[in-house]
mmCIF file of all heavy atoms, coordinates in Angstrom:
data_MODEL
# 
_entry.id   MODEL 
# 
loop_
_atom_site.group_PDB 
_atom_site.id 
_atom_site.type_symbol 
_atom_site.label_atom_id 
_atom_site.label_alt_id 
_atom_site.label_comp_id 
_atom_site.label_asym_id 
_atom_site.label_entity_id 
_atom_site.label_seq_id 
_atom_site.pdbx_PDB_ins_code 
_atom_site.Cartn_x 
_atom_site.Cartn_y 
_atom_site.Cartn_z 
_atom_site.occupancy 
_atom_site.B_iso_or_equiv 
_atom_site.pdbx_formal_charge 
_atom_site.auth_seq_id 
_atom_site.auth_comp_id 
_atom_site.auth_asym_id 
_atom_site.auth_atom_id 
_atom_site.pdbx_PDB_model_num 
ATOM 1   N N   . ARG A 1 1  ? 5.681   -43.428 131.905 1.00 0.00 ? 1  ARG A N   1 
ATOM 2   C CA  . ARG A 1 1  ? 6.741   -43.780 130.953 1.00 0.00 ? 1  ARG A CA  1 
ATOM 3   C C   . ARG A 1 1  ? 7.425   -42.488 130.525 1.00 0.00 ? 1  ARG A C   1 
ATOM 4   O O   . ARG A 1 1  ? 6.777   -41.466 130.324 1.00 0.00 ? 1  ARG A O   1 
ATOM 5   C CB  . ARG A 1 1  ? 6.154   -44.489 129.744 1.00 0.00 ? 1  ARG A CB  1 
ATOM 6   C CG  . ARG A 1 1  ? 5.512   -45.807 130.110 1.00 0.00 ? 1  ARG A CG  1 
ATOM 7   C CD  . ARG A 1 1  ? 5.049   -46.554 128.894 1.00 0.00 ? 1  ARG A CD  1 
ATOM 8   N NE  . ARG A 1 1  ? 3.835   -45.953 128.343 1.00 0.00 ? 1  ARG A NE  1 
ATOM 9   C CZ  . ARG A 1 1  ? 3.312   -46.286 127.179 1.00 0.00 ? 1  ARG A CZ  1 
ATOM 10  N NH1 . ARG A 1 1  ? 3.901   -47.172 126.409 1.00 0.00 ? 1  ARG A NH1 1 
ATOM 11  N NH2 . ARG A 1 1  ? 2.203   -45.729 126.766 1.00 0.00 ? 1  ARG A NH2 1 
ATOM 12  N N   . ALA A 1 2  ? 8.741   -42.523 130.380 1.00 0.00 ? 2  ALA A N   1 
ATOM 13  C CA  . ALA A 1 2  ? 9.507   -41.318 130.045 1.00 0.00 ? 2  ALA A CA  1 
ATOM 14  C C   . ALA A 1 2  ? 9.022   -40.683 128.740 1.00 0.00 ? 2  ALA A C   1 
ATOM 15  O O   . ALA A 1 2  ? 8.900   -39.466 128.640 1.00 0.00 ? 2  ALA A O   1 
ATOM 16  C CB  . ALA A 1 2  ? 10.993  -41.645 129.968 1.00 0.00 ? 2  ALA A CB  1 
ATOM 17  N N   . GLY A 1 3  ? 8.733   -41.492 127.742 1.00 0.00 ? 3  GLY A N   1 
ATOM 18  C CA  . GLY A 1 3  ? 8.265   -40.956 126.461 1.00 0.00 ? 3  GLY A CA  1 
ATOM 19  C C   . GLY A 1 3  ? 6.909   -40.280 126.557 1.00 0.00 ? 3  GLY A C   1 
ATOM 20  O O   . GLY A 1 3  ? 6.657   -39.267 125.901 1.00 0.00 ? 3  GLY A O   1 
ATOM 21  N N   . VAL A 1 4  ? 6.031   -40.817 127.381 1.00 0.00 ? 4  VAL A N   1 
ATOM 22  C CA  . VAL A 1 4  ? 4.710   -40.208 127.563 1.00 0.00 ? 4  VAL A CA  1 
ATOM 23  C C   . VAL A 1 4  ? 4.860   -38.874 128.282 1.00 0.00 ? 4  VAL A C   1 
ATOM 24  O O   . VAL A 1 4  ? 4.206   -37.892 127.938 1.00 0.00 ? 4  VAL A O   1 
ATOM 25  C CB  . VAL A 1 4  ? 3.767   -41.161 128.336 1.00 0.00 ? 4  VAL A CB  1 
ATOM 26  C CG1 . VAL A 1 4  ? 2.461   -40.483 128.688 1.00 0.00 ? 4  VAL A CG1 1 
ATOM 27  C CG2 . VAL A 1 4  ? 3.516   -42.423 127.516 1.00 0.00 ? 4  VAL A CG2 1 
ATOM 28  N N   . HIS A 1 5  ? 5.723   -38.825 129.288 1.00 0.00 ? 5  HIS A N   1 
ATOM 29  C CA  . HIS A 1 5  ? 5.981   -37.572 130.002 1.00 0.00 ? 5  HIS A CA  1 
ATOM 30  C C   . HIS A 1 5  ? 6.459   -36.496 129.026 1.00 0.00 ? 5  HIS A C   1 
ATOM 31  O O   . HIS A 1 5  ? 5.953   -35.369 129.036 1.00 0.00 ? 5  HIS A O   1 
ATOM 32  C CB  . HIS A 1 5  ? 7.020   -37.808 131.105 1.00 0.00 ? 5  HIS A CB  1 
ATOM 33  C CG  . HIS A 1 5  ? 7.489   -36.575 131.776 1.00 0.00 ? 5  HIS A CG  1 
ATOM 34  N ND1 . HIS A 1 5  ? 6.694   -35.832 132.616 1.00 0.00 ? 5  HIS A ND1 1 
ATOM 35  C CD2 . HIS A 1 5  ? 8.673   -35.922 131.708 1.00 0.00 ? 5  HIS A CD2 1 
ATOM 36  C CE1 . HIS A 1 5  ? 7.376   -34.782 133.041 1.00 0.00 ? 5  HIS A CE1 1 
ATOM 37  N NE2 . HIS A 1 5  ? 8.584   -34.823 132.508 1.00 0.00 ? 5  HIS A NE2 1 
ATOM 38  N N   . LEU A 1 6  ? 7.384   -36.839 128.171 1.00 0.00 ? 6  LEU A N   1 
ATOM 39  C CA  . LEU A 1 6  ? 7.902   -35.887 127.187 1.00 0.00 ? 6  LEU A CA  1 
ATOM 40  C C   . LEU A 1 6  ? 6.815   -35.470 126.199 1.00 0.00 ? 6  LEU A C   1 
ATOM 41  O O   . LEU A 1 6  ? 6.673   -34.285 125.867 1.00 0.00 ? 6  LEU A O   1 
ATOM 42  C CB  . LEU A 1 6  ? 9.093   -36.497 126.443 1.00 0.00 ? 6  LEU A CB  1 
ATOM 43  C CG  . LEU A 1 6  ? 9.768   -35.613 125.412 1.00 0.00 ? 6  LEU A CG  1 
ATOM 44  C CD1 . LEU A 1 6  ? 10.307  -34.347 126.057 1.00 0.00 ? 6  LEU A CD1 1 
ATOM 45  C CD2 . LEU A 1 6  ? 10.870  -36.374 124.713 1.00 0.00 ? 6  LEU A CD2 1 
ATOM 46  N N   . ALA A 1 7  ? 6.013   -36.411 125.741 1.00 0.00 ? 7  ALA A N   1 
ATOM 47  C CA  . ALA A 1 7  ? 4.934   -36.092 124.803 1.00 0.00 ? 7  ALA A CA  1 
ATOM 48  C C   . ALA A 1 7  ? 3.937   -35.122 125.427 1.00 0.00 ? 7  ALA A C   1 
ATOM 49  O O   . ALA A 1 7  ? 3.454   -34.198 124.758 1.00 0.00 ? 7  ALA A O   1 
ATOM 50  C CB  . ALA A 1 7  ? 4.230   -37.372 124.360 1.00 0.00 ? 7  ALA A CB  1 
ATOM 51  N N   . MET A 1 8  ? 3.621   -35.311 126.705 1.00 0.00 ? 8  MET A N   1 
ATOM 52  C CA  . MET A 1 8  ? 2.686   -34.405 127.377 1.00 0.00 ? 8  MET A CA  1 
ATOM 53  C C   . MET A 1 8  ? 3.273   -33.001 127.496 1.00 0.00 ? 8  MET A C   1 
ATOM 54  O O   . MET A 1 8  ? 2.550   -32.016 127.403 1.00 0.00 ? 8  MET A O   1 
ATOM 55  C CB  . MET A 1 8  ? 2.334   -34.942 128.762 1.00 0.00 ? 8  MET A CB  1 
ATOM 56  C CG  . MET A 1 8  ? 1.627   -36.267 128.716 1.00 0.00 ? 8  MET A CG  1 
ATOM 57  S SD  . MET A 1 8  ? 0.058   -36.170 127.895 1.00 0.00 ? 8  MET A SD  1 
ATOM 58  C CE  . MET A 1 8  ? -0.981  -36.905 129.096 1.00 0.00 ? 8  MET A CE  1 
ATOM 59  N N   . LEU A 1 9  ? 4.589   -32.917 127.699 1.00 0.00 ? 9  LEU A N   1 
ATOM 60  C CA  . LEU A 1 9  ? 5.227   -31.599 127.754 1.00 0.00 ? 9  LEU A CA  1 
ATOM 61  C C   . LEU A 1 9  ? 5.171   -30.897 126.398 1.00 0.00 ? 9  LEU A C   1 
ATOM 62  O O   . LEU A 1 9  ? 5.072   -29.676 126.325 1.00 0.00 ? 9  LEU A O   1 
ATOM 63  C CB  . LEU A 1 9  ? 6.687   -31.728 128.197 1.00 0.00 ? 9  LEU A CB  1 
ATOM 64  C CG  . LEU A 1 9  ? 6.911   -31.850 129.695 1.00 0.00 ? 9  LEU A CG  1 
ATOM 65  C CD1 . LEU A 1 9  ? 8.385   -32.137 129.986 1.00 0.00 ? 9  LEU A CD1 1 
ATOM 66  C CD2 . LEU A 1 9  ? 6.478   -30.592 130.410 1.00 0.00 ? 9  LEU A CD2 1 
ATOM 67  N N   . VAL A 1 10 ? 5.230   -31.654 125.327 1.00 0.00 ? 10 VAL A N   1 
ATOM 68  C CA  . VAL A 1 10 ? 5.183   -31.072 123.982 1.00 0.00 ? 10 VAL A CA  1 
ATOM 69  C C   . VAL A 1 10 ? 3.748   -30.730 123.583 1.00 0.00 ? 10 VAL A C   1 
ATOM 70  O O   . VAL A 1 10 ? 3.484   -29.671 123.015 1.00 0.00 ? 10 VAL A O   1 
ATOM 71  C CB  . VAL A 1 10 ? 5.820   -32.041 122.952 1.00 0.00 ? 10 VAL A CB  1 
ATOM 72  C CG1 . VAL A 1 10 ? 5.586   -31.567 121.535 1.00 0.00 ? 10 VAL A CG1 1 
ATOM 73  C CG2 . VAL A 1 10 ? 7.309   -32.202 123.229 1.00 0.00 ? 10 VAL A CG2 1 
ATOM 74  N N   . LEU A 1 11 ? 2.813   -31.613 123.892 1.00 0.00 ? 11 LEU A N   1 
ATOM 75  C CA  . LEU A 1 11 ? 1.421   -31.399 123.488 1.00 0.00 ? 11 LEU A CA  1 
ATOM 76  C C   . LEU A 1 11 ? 0.721   -30.315 124.301 1.00 0.00 ? 11 LEU A C   1 
ATOM 77  O O   . LEU A 1 11 ? -0.175  -29.648 123.787 1.00 0.00 ? 11 LEU A O   1 
ATOM 78  C CB  . LEU A 1 11 ? 0.634   -32.708 123.583 1.00 0.00 ? 11 LEU A CB  1 
ATOM 79  C CG  . LEU A 1 11 ? 1.005   -33.768 122.569 1.00 0.00 ? 11 LEU A CG  1 
ATOM 80  C CD1 . LEU A 1 11 ? 0.231   -35.050 122.847 1.00 0.00 ? 11 LEU A CD1 1 
ATOM 81  C CD2 . LEU A 1 11 ? 0.738   -33.290 121.161 1.00 0.00 ? 11 LEU A CD2 1 
ATOM 82  N N   . GLY A 1 12 ? 1.120   -30.122 125.549 1.00 0.00 ? 12 GLY A N   1 
ATOM 83  C CA  . GLY A 1 12 ? 0.481   -29.123 126.405 1.00 0.00 ? 12 GLY A CA  1 
ATOM 84  C C   . GLY A 1 12 ? 0.452   -27.733 125.792 1.00 0.00 ? 12 GLY A C   1 
ATOM 85  O O   . GLY A 1 12 ? -0.627  -27.119 125.685 1.00 0.00 ? 12 GLY A O   1 
ATOM 86  N N   . PRO A 1 13 ? 1.592   -27.195 125.359 1.00 0.00 ? 13 PRO A N   1 
ATOM 87  C CA  . PRO A 1 13 ? 1.574   -25.866 124.746 1.00 0.00 ? 13 PRO A CA  1 
ATOM 88  C C   . PRO A 1 13 ? 0.732   -25.806 123.464 1.00 0.00 ? 13 PRO A C   1 
ATOM 89  O O   . PRO A 1 13 ? 0.107   -24.775 123.164 1.00 0.00 ? 13 PRO A O   1 
ATOM 90  C CB  . PRO A 1 13 ? 3.054   -25.589 124.434 1.00 0.00 ? 13 PRO A CB  1 
ATOM 91  C CG  . PRO A 1 13 ? 3.787   -26.418 125.430 1.00 0.00 ? 13 PRO A CG  1 
ATOM 92  C CD  . PRO A 1 13 ? 2.961   -27.654 125.605 1.00 0.00 ? 13 PRO A CD  1 
ATOM 93  N N   . LEU A 1 14 ? 0.689   -26.898 122.716 1.00 0.00 ? 14 LEU A N   1 
ATOM 94  C CA  . LEU A 1 14 ? -0.147  -26.911 121.510 1.00 0.00 ? 14 LEU A CA  1 
ATOM 95  C C   . LEU A 1 14 ? -1.630  -26.792 121.871 1.00 0.00 ? 14 LEU A C   1 
ATOM 96  O O   . LEU A 1 14 ? -2.395  -26.106 121.186 1.00 0.00 ? 14 LEU A O   1 
ATOM 97  C CB  . LEU A 1 14 ? 0.109   -28.176 120.699 1.00 0.00 ? 14 LEU A CB  1 
ATOM 98  C CG  . LEU A 1 14 ? 1.514   -28.330 120.135 1.00 0.00 ? 14 LEU A CG  1 
ATOM 99  C CD1 . LEU A 1 14 ? 1.658   -29.683 119.437 1.00 0.00 ? 14 LEU A CD1 1 
ATOM 100 C CD2 . LEU A 1 14 ? 1.848   -27.203 119.187 1.00 0.00 ? 14 LEU A CD2 1 
ATOM 101 N N   . VAL A 1 15 ? -2.043  -27.443 122.952 1.00 0.00 ? 15 VAL A N   1 
ATOM 102 C CA  . VAL A 1 15 ? -3.429  -27.350 123.407 1.00 0.00 ? 15 VAL A CA  1 
ATOM 103 C C   . VAL A 1 15 ? -3.718  -25.934 123.912 1.00 0.00 ? 15 VAL A C   1 
ATOM 104 O O   . VAL A 1 15 ? -4.809  -25.399 123.691 1.00 0.00 ? 15 VAL A O   1 
ATOM 105 C CB  . VAL A 1 15 ? -3.730  -28.416 124.486 1.00 0.00 ? 15 VAL A CB  1 
ATOM 106 C CG1 . VAL A 1 15 ? -5.113  -28.235 125.072 1.00 0.00 ? 15 VAL A CG1 1 
ATOM 107 C CG2 . VAL A 1 15 ? -3.584  -29.809 123.899 1.00 0.00 ? 15 VAL A CG2 1 
ATOM 108 N N   . VAL A 1 16 ? -2.740  -25.298 124.569 1.00 0.00 ? 16 VAL A N   1 
ATOM 109 C CA  . VAL A 1 16 ? -2.914  -23.914 125.010 1.00 0.00 ? 16 VAL A CA  1 
ATOM 110 C C   . VAL A 1 16 ? -3.133  -23.011 123.796 1.00 0.00 ? 16 VAL A C   1 
ATOM 111 O O   . VAL A 1 16 ? -4.041  -22.171 123.787 1.00 0.00 ? 16 VAL A O   1 
ATOM 112 C CB  . VAL A 1 16 ? -1.706  -23.421 125.843 1.00 0.00 ? 16 VAL A CB  1 
ATOM 113 C CG1 . VAL A 1 16 ? -1.779  -21.920 126.070 1.00 0.00 ? 16 VAL A CG1 1 
ATOM 114 C CG2 . VAL A 1 16 ? -1.644  -24.154 127.168 1.00 0.00 ? 16 VAL A CG2 1 
ATOM 115 N N   . VAL A 1 17 ? -2.327  -23.172 122.769 1.00 0.00 ? 17 VAL A N   1 
ATOM 116 C CA  . VAL A 1 17 ? -2.481  -22.361 121.548 1.00 0.00 ? 17 VAL A CA  1 
ATOM 117 C C   . VAL A 1 17 ? -3.851  -22.589 120.921 1.00 0.00 ? 17 VAL A C   1 
ATOM 118 O O   . VAL A 1 17 ? -4.534  -21.638 120.528 1.00 0.00 ? 17 VAL A O   1 
ATOM 119 C CB  . VAL A 1 17 ? -1.340  -22.669 120.542 1.00 0.00 ? 17 VAL A CB  1 
ATOM 120 C CG1 . VAL A 1 17 ? -1.620  -22.052 119.184 1.00 0.00 ? 17 VAL A CG1 1 
ATOM 121 C CG2 . VAL A 1 17 ? -0.011  -22.179 121.086 1.00 0.00 ? 17 VAL A CG2 1 
ATOM 122 N N   . LEU A 1 18 ? -4.289  -23.835 120.850 1.00 0.00 ? 18 LEU A N   1 
ATOM 123 C CA  . LEU A 1 18 ? -5.612  -24.133 120.311 1.00 0.00 ? 18 LEU A CA  1 
ATOM 124 C C   . LEU A 1 18 ? -6.692  -23.437 121.131 1.00 0.00 ? 18 LEU A C   1 
ATOM 125 O O   . LEU A 1 18 ? -7.622  -22.838 120.571 1.00 0.00 ? 18 LEU A O   1 
ATOM 126 C CB  . LEU A 1 18 ? -5.848  -25.647 120.297 1.00 0.00 ? 18 LEU A CB  1 
ATOM 127 C CG  . LEU A 1 18 ? -7.238  -26.104 119.855 1.00 0.00 ? 18 LEU A CG  1 
ATOM 128 C CD1 . LEU A 1 18 ? -7.481  -25.733 118.400 1.00 0.00 ? 18 LEU A CD1 1 
ATOM 129 C CD2 . LEU A 1 18 ? -7.396  -27.600 120.070 1.00 0.00 ? 18 LEU A CD2 1 
ATOM 130 N N   . GLY A 1 19 ? -6.585  -23.485 122.444 1.00 0.00 ? 19 GLY A N   1 
ATOM 131 C CA  . GLY A 1 19 ? -7.560  -22.818 123.306 1.00 0.00 ? 19 GLY A CA  1 
ATOM 132 C C   . GLY A 1 19 ? -7.571  -21.319 123.107 1.00 0.00 ? 19 GLY A C   1 
ATOM 133 O O   . GLY A 1 19 ? -8.644  -20.696 123.057 1.00 0.00 ? 19 GLY A O   1 
ATOM 134 N N   . VAL A 1 20 ? -6.407  -20.711 122.981 1.00 0.00 ? 20 VAL A N   1 
ATOM 135 C CA  . VAL A 1 20 ? -6.318  -19.260 122.762 1.00 0.00 ? 20 VAL A CA  1 
ATOM 136 C C   . VAL A 1 20 ? -6.964  -18.895 121.424 1.00 0.00 ? 20 VAL A C   1 
ATOM 137 O O   . VAL A 1 20 ? -7.690  -17.890 121.321 1.00 0.00 ? 20 VAL A O   1 
ATOM 138 C CB  . VAL A 1 20 ? -4.854  -18.776 122.835 1.00 0.00 ? 20 VAL A CB  1 
ATOM 139 C CG1 . VAL A 1 20 ? -4.697  -17.356 122.320 1.00 0.00 ? 20 VAL A CG1 1 
ATOM 140 C CG2 . VAL A 1 20 ? -4.336  -18.898 124.261 1.00 0.00 ? 20 VAL A CG2 1 
ATOM 141 N N   . ILE A 1 21 ? -6.726  -19.682 120.399 1.00 0.00 ? 21 ILE A N   1 
ATOM 142 C CA  . ILE A 1 21 ? -7.352  -19.433 119.090 1.00 0.00 ? 21 ILE A CA  1 
ATOM 143 C C   . ILE A 1 21 ? -8.868  -19.525 119.211 1.00 0.00 ? 21 ILE A C   1 
ATOM 144 O O   . ILE A 1 21 ? -9.599  -18.683 118.657 1.00 0.00 ? 21 ILE A O   1 
ATOM 145 C CB  . ILE A 1 21 ? -6.809  -20.410 118.026 1.00 0.00 ? 21 ILE A CB  1 
ATOM 146 C CG1 . ILE A 1 21 ? -5.347  -20.093 117.715 1.00 0.00 ? 21 ILE A CG1 1 
ATOM 147 C CG2 . ILE A 1 21 ? -7.666  -20.381 116.765 1.00 0.00 ? 21 ILE A CG2 1 
ATOM 148 C CD1 . ILE A 1 21 ? -4.648  -21.145 116.876 1.00 0.00 ? 21 ILE A CD1 1 
ATOM 149 N N   . MET A 1 22 ? -9.364  -20.507 119.936 1.00 0.00 ? 22 MET A N   1 
ATOM 150 C CA  . MET A 1 22 ? -10.815 -20.652 120.103 1.00 0.00 ? 22 MET A CA  1 
ATOM 151 C C   . MET A 1 22 ? -11.395 -19.443 120.841 1.00 0.00 ? 22 MET A C   1 
ATOM 152 O O   . MET A 1 22 ? -12.457 -18.934 120.469 1.00 0.00 ? 22 MET A O   1 
ATOM 153 C CB  . MET A 1 22 ? -11.131 -21.941 120.853 1.00 0.00 ? 22 MET A CB  1 
ATOM 154 C CG  . MET A 1 22 ? -10.846 -23.190 120.046 1.00 0.00 ? 22 MET A CG  1 
ATOM 155 S SD  . MET A 1 22 ? -11.083 -24.697 120.997 1.00 0.00 ? 22 MET A SD  1 
ATOM 156 C CE  . MET A 1 22 ? -12.869 -24.719 121.107 1.00 0.00 ? 22 MET A CE  1 
ATOM 157 N N   . VAL A 1 23 ? -10.707 -18.986 121.885 1.00 0.00 ? 23 VAL A N   1 
ATOM 158 C CA  . VAL A 1 23 ? -11.178 -17.813 122.626 1.00 0.00 ? 23 VAL A CA  1 
ATOM 159 C C   . VAL A 1 23 ? -11.173 -16.587 121.715 1.00 0.00 ? 23 VAL A C   1 
ATOM 160 O O   . VAL A 1 23 ? -12.141 -15.817 121.672 1.00 0.00 ? 23 VAL A O   1 
ATOM 161 C CB  . VAL A 1 23 ? -10.316 -17.563 123.890 1.00 0.00 ? 23 VAL A CB  1 
ATOM 162 C CG1 . VAL A 1 23 ? -10.617 -16.208 124.506 1.00 0.00 ? 23 VAL A CG1 1 
ATOM 163 C CG2 . VAL A 1 23 ? -10.532 -18.683 124.905 1.00 0.00 ? 23 VAL A CG2 1 
ATOM 164 N N   . TYR A 1 24 ? -10.100 -16.401 120.974 1.00 0.00 ? 24 TYR A N   1 
ATOM 165 C CA  . TYR A 1 24 ? -9.991  -15.246 120.070 1.00 0.00 ? 24 TYR A CA  1 
ATOM 166 C C   . TYR A 1 24 ? -11.111 -15.248 119.031 1.00 0.00 ? 24 TYR A C   1 
ATOM 167 O O   . TYR A 1 24 ? -11.761 -14.240 118.800 1.00 0.00 ? 24 TYR A O   1 
ATOM 168 C CB  . TYR A 1 24 ? -8.621  -15.228 119.390 1.00 0.00 ? 24 TYR A CB  1 
ATOM 169 C CG  . TYR A 1 24 ? -8.519  -14.168 118.330 1.00 0.00 ? 24 TYR A CG  1 
ATOM 170 C CD1 . TYR A 1 24 ? -8.350  -12.841 118.690 1.00 0.00 ? 24 TYR A CD1 1 
ATOM 171 C CD2 . TYR A 1 24 ? -8.637  -14.489 116.985 1.00 0.00 ? 24 TYR A CD2 1 
ATOM 172 C CE1 . TYR A 1 24 ? -8.276  -11.844 117.703 1.00 0.00 ? 24 TYR A CE1 1 
ATOM 173 C CE2 . TYR A 1 24 ? -8.560  -13.522 116.003 1.00 0.00 ? 24 TYR A CE2 1 
ATOM 174 C CZ  . TYR A 1 24 ? -8.386  -12.192 116.375 1.00 0.00 ? 24 TYR A CZ  1 
ATOM 175 O OH  . TYR A 1 24 ? -8.336  -11.223 115.417 1.00 0.00 ? 24 TYR A OH  1 
# 
C-alpha cells in the first residue's frame, strides 16, 4: 500500500537513530 511504503521510509531513519544511540 502506498501509505505503508511511505511510513516505512519515514520510520527507517528513526530506527537507525535509535540503533546508533544504543550503540553509543
